[in-house]
């Protein structure tokens, strides 16, 4: 119930800072830049595509997903573990995770925010 209330509150706040056709990163970050759950904001939630802004906190606890996804690094840097290998990433990079593959962010800066696109 608490998670539902937090998500409902975030959606209401998101409506205040976003236009239907654009999203300003700085305004959205203000909604997520607190040490509380969830550490993501759902931007678009349609059957064929889902878009989030994700901000992991010290440890990325992700598990493999059922859909392919892209990560666009909005801010921050670190290392990305994907399917048994680790690569460096930085702001502006685009990362991919195939459905069912192990992946997570490791050794990342505290200012890491990534746009997540599931399709």
N, C-alpha and C. Protein backbone atom coordinates (compact mmCIF):
# COMPACT_ATOMS: atom_id res chain seq x y z
N UNK A 1 0.82 -1.20 0.00
CA UNK A 1 0.00 0.00 0.00
C UNK A 1 0.86 1.26 0.00
N UNK A 2 1.93 1.26 0.80
CA UNK A 2 2.81 2.42 0.86
C UNK A 2 3.46 2.67 -0.50
N UNK A 3 3.94 1.59 -1.17
CA UNK A 3 4.55 1.75 -2.48
C UNK A 3 3.56 2.36 -3.46
N UNK A 4 2.30 1.91 -3.44
CA UNK A 4 1.27 2.47 -4.31
C UNK A 4 1.10 3.96 -4.04
N UNK A 5 1.07 4.35 -2.79
CA UNK A 5 0.90 5.76 -2.43
C UNK A 5 2.09 6.59 -2.92
N UNK A 6 3.31 6.06 -2.79
CA UNK A 6 4.50 6.78 -3.25
C UNK A 6 4.45 6.94 -4.75
N UNK A 7 4.13 5.86 -5.47
CA UNK A 7 4.06 5.94 -6.94
C UNK A 7 2.97 6.92 -7.36
N UNK A 8 1.81 6.88 -6.73
CA UNK A 8 0.73 7.81 -7.05
C UNK A 8 1.17 9.25 -6.82
N UNK A 9 1.86 9.50 -5.72
CA UNK A 9 2.36 10.83 -5.41
C UNK A 9 3.37 11.29 -6.46
N UNK A 10 4.28 10.40 -6.86
CA UNK A 10 5.29 10.74 -7.87
C UNK A 10 4.62 11.06 -9.20
N UNK A 11 3.61 10.29 -9.59
CA UNK A 11 2.92 10.56 -10.85
C UNK A 11 2.26 11.93 -10.81
N UNK A 12 1.68 12.30 -9.70
CA UNK A 12 1.06 13.62 -9.57
C UNK A 12 2.13 14.72 -9.68
N UNK A 13 3.27 14.53 -9.03
CA UNK A 13 4.36 15.51 -9.11
C UNK A 13 4.91 15.59 -10.52
N UNK A 14 5.03 14.44 -11.19
CA UNK A 14 5.55 14.42 -12.56
C UNK A 14 4.65 15.24 -13.48
N UNK A 15 3.35 15.13 -13.30
CA UNK A 15 2.41 15.90 -14.12
C UNK A 15 2.64 17.40 -13.96
N UNK A 16 3.10 17.82 -12.79
CA UNK A 16 3.34 19.25 -12.55
C UNK A 16 4.59 19.77 -13.24
N UNK A 17 5.60 18.90 -13.48
CA UNK A 17 6.87 19.37 -14.04
C UNK A 17 7.07 18.98 -15.50
N UNK A 18 6.17 18.19 -16.07
CA UNK A 18 6.35 17.71 -17.44
C UNK A 18 5.19 18.15 -18.32
N UNK A 19 5.51 18.46 -19.55
CA UNK A 19 4.50 18.70 -20.56
C UNK A 19 4.17 17.35 -21.20
N UNK A 20 3.03 17.21 -21.85
CA UNK A 20 2.69 15.91 -22.44
C UNK A 20 3.70 15.44 -23.49
N UNK A 21 4.44 16.37 -24.09
CA UNK A 21 5.35 16.00 -25.18
C UNK A 21 6.82 16.24 -24.86
N UNK A 22 7.16 16.61 -23.63
CA UNK A 22 8.57 16.82 -23.28
C UNK A 22 8.78 16.64 -21.79
N UNK A 23 10.01 16.27 -21.45
CA UNK A 23 10.36 16.04 -20.06
C UNK A 23 11.71 16.71 -19.80
N UNK A 24 11.79 17.54 -18.80
CA UNK A 24 13.03 18.23 -18.46
C UNK A 24 13.75 17.44 -17.38
N UNK A 25 14.96 16.98 -17.69
CA UNK A 25 15.71 16.12 -16.79
C UNK A 25 15.86 16.74 -15.40
N UNK A 26 16.26 17.99 -15.32
CA UNK A 26 16.49 18.63 -14.01
C UNK A 26 15.22 18.62 -13.15
N UNK A 27 14.09 18.88 -13.75
CA UNK A 27 12.83 18.89 -12.99
C UNK A 27 12.47 17.50 -12.51
N UNK A 28 12.68 16.50 -13.35
CA UNK A 28 12.35 15.13 -12.97
C UNK A 28 13.31 14.62 -11.91
N UNK A 29 14.58 14.96 -12.02
CA UNK A 29 15.57 14.54 -11.02
C UNK A 29 15.17 15.04 -9.63
N UNK A 30 14.61 16.22 -9.54
CA UNK A 30 14.20 16.74 -8.23
C UNK A 30 13.16 15.85 -7.56
N UNK A 31 12.40 15.11 -8.35
CA UNK A 31 11.39 14.22 -7.79
C UNK A 31 11.99 12.92 -7.26
N UNK A 32 13.16 12.56 -7.74
CA UNK A 32 13.75 11.27 -7.39
C UNK A 32 15.00 11.41 -6.55
N UNK A 33 15.48 12.63 -6.37
CA UNK A 33 16.77 12.85 -5.72
C UNK A 33 16.65 12.86 -4.20
N UNK A 34 15.89 11.93 -3.66
CA UNK A 34 15.76 11.78 -2.22
C UNK A 34 16.00 10.31 -1.90
N UNK A 35 16.54 10.01 -0.73
CA UNK A 35 16.82 8.62 -0.38
C UNK A 35 15.56 7.85 0.01
N UNK A 36 14.69 7.64 -0.93
CA UNK A 36 13.47 6.87 -0.67
C UNK A 36 13.19 6.01 -1.89
N UNK A 37 12.31 5.06 -1.71
CA UNK A 37 11.90 4.20 -2.81
C UNK A 37 10.60 4.73 -3.39
N UNK A 38 10.31 4.52 -4.66
CA UNK A 38 11.17 3.84 -5.62
C UNK A 38 12.28 4.75 -6.12
N UNK A 39 13.35 4.17 -6.61
CA UNK A 39 14.49 4.92 -7.13
C UNK A 39 14.34 5.14 -8.64
N UNK A 40 13.15 5.13 -9.13
CA UNK A 40 12.88 5.38 -10.54
C UNK A 40 11.58 6.15 -10.66
N UNK A 41 11.43 6.80 -11.79
CA UNK A 41 10.17 7.48 -12.09
C UNK A 41 9.69 6.96 -13.43
N UNK A 42 8.46 6.52 -13.46
CA UNK A 42 7.84 6.01 -14.67
C UNK A 42 7.39 7.20 -15.52
N UNK A 43 7.98 7.33 -16.70
CA UNK A 43 7.67 8.45 -17.59
C UNK A 43 6.60 8.06 -18.61
N UNK A 44 6.79 6.92 -19.27
CA UNK A 44 5.84 6.42 -20.27
C UNK A 44 5.57 4.96 -19.94
N UNK A 45 4.29 4.59 -19.88
CA UNK A 45 3.94 3.21 -19.56
C UNK A 45 2.86 2.73 -20.52
N UNK A 46 3.31 2.26 -21.67
CA UNK A 46 2.40 1.72 -22.68
C UNK A 46 2.78 0.27 -22.91
N UNK A 47 1.88 -0.49 -23.48
CA UNK A 47 2.14 -1.92 -23.67
C UNK A 47 3.41 -2.16 -24.47
N UNK A 48 3.64 -1.38 -25.53
CA UNK A 48 4.76 -1.63 -26.43
C UNK A 48 6.07 -0.95 -25.99
N UNK A 49 6.00 0.03 -25.10
CA UNK A 49 7.22 0.72 -24.65
C UNK A 49 7.01 1.29 -23.25
N UNK A 50 8.06 1.21 -22.46
CA UNK A 50 8.06 1.79 -21.11
C UNK A 50 9.34 2.59 -20.96
N UNK A 51 9.23 3.80 -20.42
CA UNK A 51 10.39 4.66 -20.24
C UNK A 51 10.42 5.12 -18.78
N UNK A 52 11.59 4.98 -18.16
CA UNK A 52 11.79 5.37 -16.77
C UNK A 52 13.03 6.24 -16.66
N UNK A 53 13.11 7.00 -15.59
CA UNK A 53 14.37 7.60 -15.17
C UNK A 53 14.78 6.83 -13.93
N UNK A 54 15.98 6.25 -13.96
CA UNK A 54 16.45 5.36 -12.90
C UNK A 54 17.67 5.96 -12.21
N UNK A 55 17.68 5.87 -10.88
CA UNK A 55 18.77 6.41 -10.08
C UNK A 55 19.15 5.38 -9.02
N UNK A 56 20.07 4.45 -9.35
CA UNK A 56 20.45 3.45 -8.35
C UNK A 56 21.18 4.09 -7.19
N UNK A 57 21.02 3.50 -6.02
CA UNK A 57 21.62 4.03 -4.80
C UNK A 57 22.70 3.08 -4.30
N UNK A 58 23.94 3.35 -4.58
CA UNK A 58 25.13 2.61 -4.14
C UNK A 58 25.23 1.21 -4.73
N UNK A 59 24.16 0.42 -4.68
CA UNK A 59 24.17 -0.93 -5.22
C UNK A 59 22.98 -1.08 -6.16
N UNK A 60 23.26 -1.55 -7.36
CA UNK A 60 22.21 -1.78 -8.34
C UNK A 60 21.75 -3.24 -8.19
N UNK A 61 20.53 -3.44 -7.77
CA UNK A 61 20.02 -4.77 -7.46
C UNK A 61 19.22 -5.39 -8.61
N UNK A 62 19.45 -4.94 -9.82
CA UNK A 62 18.66 -5.42 -10.94
C UNK A 62 18.83 -6.92 -11.16
N UNK A 63 17.79 -7.50 -11.70
CA UNK A 63 17.77 -8.89 -12.14
C UNK A 63 17.42 -8.88 -13.63
N UNK A 64 17.68 -9.97 -14.34
CA UNK A 64 17.29 -10.02 -15.75
C UNK A 64 15.80 -9.71 -15.94
N UNK A 65 15.50 -9.03 -17.04
CA UNK A 65 14.13 -8.63 -17.35
C UNK A 65 13.56 -9.49 -18.47
N UNK A 66 12.27 -9.40 -18.65
CA UNK A 66 11.60 -10.18 -19.70
C UNK A 66 11.56 -9.46 -21.04
N UNK A 67 11.99 -8.19 -21.06
CA UNK A 67 12.01 -7.41 -22.31
C UNK A 67 13.41 -6.85 -22.53
N UNK A 68 13.76 -6.62 -23.80
CA UNK A 68 15.00 -5.91 -24.11
C UNK A 68 14.90 -4.50 -23.56
N UNK A 69 16.07 -3.92 -23.26
CA UNK A 69 16.05 -2.54 -22.78
C UNK A 69 17.32 -1.81 -23.19
N UNK A 70 17.17 -0.50 -23.32
CA UNK A 70 18.30 0.40 -23.55
C UNK A 70 18.42 1.32 -22.35
N UNK A 71 19.66 1.67 -22.02
CA UNK A 71 19.94 2.67 -21.00
C UNK A 71 20.67 3.82 -21.68
N UNK A 72 20.14 5.03 -21.55
CA UNK A 72 20.83 6.22 -22.01
C UNK A 72 21.32 6.94 -20.77
N UNK A 73 22.63 7.09 -20.63
CA UNK A 73 23.22 7.67 -19.42
C UNK A 73 23.04 9.19 -19.47
N UNK A 74 22.16 9.71 -18.60
CA UNK A 74 21.88 11.15 -18.55
C UNK A 74 22.97 11.88 -17.78
N UNK A 75 23.37 11.33 -16.63
CA UNK A 75 24.46 11.90 -15.83
C UNK A 75 25.21 10.76 -15.15
N UNK A 76 26.45 11.02 -14.81
CA UNK A 76 27.25 10.06 -14.07
C UNK A 76 28.10 9.16 -14.95
N UNK A 77 28.80 8.24 -14.28
CA UNK A 77 29.68 7.31 -14.97
C UNK A 77 29.90 6.10 -14.08
N UNK A 78 30.54 5.10 -14.61
CA UNK A 78 30.83 3.90 -13.83
C UNK A 78 31.15 2.74 -14.73
N UNK A 79 30.80 1.56 -14.26
CA UNK A 79 31.01 0.33 -15.01
C UNK A 79 29.66 -0.37 -15.16
N UNK A 80 29.51 -1.04 -16.30
CA UNK A 80 28.28 -1.75 -16.62
C UNK A 80 28.62 -3.22 -16.81
N UNK A 81 28.06 -4.06 -15.94
CA UNK A 81 28.24 -5.50 -16.06
C UNK A 81 27.11 -6.04 -16.93
N UNK A 82 27.48 -6.74 -18.00
CA UNK A 82 26.48 -7.28 -18.91
C UNK A 82 26.94 -8.62 -19.46
N UNK A 83 26.18 -9.64 -19.18
CA UNK A 83 26.40 -10.96 -19.75
C UNK A 83 27.85 -11.45 -19.57
N UNK A 84 28.39 -11.28 -18.37
CA UNK A 84 29.71 -11.81 -18.05
C UNK A 84 30.88 -10.89 -18.32
N UNK A 85 30.63 -9.71 -18.85
CA UNK A 85 31.75 -8.78 -19.08
C UNK A 85 31.40 -7.42 -18.50
N UNK A 86 32.43 -6.62 -18.26
CA UNK A 86 32.24 -5.30 -17.68
C UNK A 86 32.87 -4.25 -18.59
N UNK A 87 32.12 -3.17 -18.84
CA UNK A 87 32.62 -2.07 -19.66
C UNK A 87 32.46 -0.76 -18.90
N UNK A 88 33.31 0.21 -19.20
CA UNK A 88 33.18 1.56 -18.64
C UNK A 88 32.10 2.31 -19.40
N UNK A 89 31.39 3.19 -18.69
CA UNK A 89 30.42 4.07 -19.35
C UNK A 89 30.50 5.45 -18.74
N UNK A 90 29.96 6.42 -19.48
CA UNK A 90 29.95 7.81 -19.02
C UNK A 90 28.70 8.50 -19.56
N UNK A 91 28.49 9.73 -19.12
CA UNK A 91 27.35 10.52 -19.57
C UNK A 91 27.30 10.53 -21.09
N UNK A 92 26.12 10.31 -21.63
CA UNK A 92 25.92 10.34 -23.07
C UNK A 92 25.98 8.97 -23.72
N UNK A 93 26.45 7.96 -23.00
CA UNK A 93 26.56 6.61 -23.58
C UNK A 93 25.19 5.94 -23.63
N UNK A 94 25.06 5.02 -24.57
CA UNK A 94 23.86 4.21 -24.72
C UNK A 94 24.26 2.75 -24.49
N UNK A 95 23.59 2.10 -23.55
CA UNK A 95 23.89 0.72 -23.18
C UNK A 95 22.68 -0.15 -23.49
N UNK A 96 22.93 -1.42 -23.75
CA UNK A 96 21.86 -2.35 -24.12
C UNK A 96 21.85 -3.55 -23.20
N UNK A 97 20.67 -4.09 -22.90
CA UNK A 97 20.52 -5.34 -22.16
C UNK A 97 19.46 -6.18 -22.85
N UNK A 98 19.88 -7.31 -23.36
CA UNK A 98 18.94 -8.24 -23.99
C UNK A 98 18.09 -8.91 -22.91
N UNK A 99 16.85 -9.17 -23.22
CA UNK A 99 15.95 -9.83 -22.27
C UNK A 99 16.59 -11.12 -21.76
N UNK A 100 16.51 -11.32 -20.45
CA UNK A 100 17.02 -12.54 -19.85
C UNK A 100 18.50 -12.55 -19.50
N UNK A 101 19.25 -11.53 -19.90
CA UNK A 101 20.70 -11.47 -19.63
C UNK A 101 20.97 -10.75 -18.32
N UNK A 102 21.97 -11.26 -17.58
CA UNK A 102 22.41 -10.59 -16.36
C UNK A 102 23.01 -9.23 -16.70
N UNK A 103 22.65 -8.21 -15.93
CA UNK A 103 23.20 -6.87 -16.15
C UNK A 103 22.99 -6.03 -14.90
N UNK A 104 23.89 -5.09 -14.67
CA UNK A 104 23.74 -4.13 -13.57
C UNK A 104 24.85 -3.10 -13.66
N UNK A 105 24.63 -1.99 -12.96
CA UNK A 105 25.65 -0.94 -12.87
C UNK A 105 26.49 -1.23 -11.63
N UNK A 106 27.82 -1.11 -11.79
CA UNK A 106 28.74 -1.32 -10.67
C UNK A 106 29.74 -0.18 -10.63
N UNK A 107 30.28 0.09 -9.44
CA UNK A 107 31.28 1.16 -9.28
C UNK A 107 30.86 2.44 -10.00
N UNK A 108 29.64 2.90 -9.73
CA UNK A 108 29.12 4.08 -10.40
C UNK A 108 29.12 5.28 -9.47
N UNK A 109 29.12 6.46 -10.06
CA UNK A 109 29.10 7.70 -9.29
C UNK A 109 27.72 7.92 -8.68
N UNK A 110 27.67 8.70 -7.60
CA UNK A 110 26.40 8.93 -6.90
C UNK A 110 25.41 9.76 -7.72
N UNK A 111 25.89 10.42 -8.77
CA UNK A 111 25.01 11.23 -9.60
C UNK A 111 24.51 10.47 -10.83
N UNK A 112 24.55 9.14 -10.80
CA UNK A 112 24.11 8.35 -11.96
C UNK A 112 22.59 8.40 -12.10
N UNK A 113 22.15 8.91 -13.23
CA UNK A 113 20.75 8.87 -13.66
C UNK A 113 20.73 8.34 -15.07
N UNK A 114 19.92 7.35 -15.33
CA UNK A 114 19.82 6.78 -16.67
C UNK A 114 18.35 6.73 -17.10
N UNK A 115 18.14 7.06 -18.37
CA UNK A 115 16.84 6.84 -18.99
C UNK A 115 16.80 5.36 -19.34
N UNK A 116 15.75 4.68 -18.96
CA UNK A 116 15.58 3.26 -19.25
C UNK A 116 14.41 3.11 -20.22
N UNK A 117 14.66 2.39 -21.32
CA UNK A 117 13.64 2.20 -22.32
C UNK A 117 13.43 0.69 -22.52
N UNK A 118 12.29 0.20 -22.09
CA UNK A 118 11.89 -1.20 -22.33
C UNK A 118 11.01 -1.23 -23.56
N UNK A 119 11.24 -2.22 -24.41
CA UNK A 119 10.37 -2.36 -25.58
C UNK A 119 10.16 -3.83 -25.91
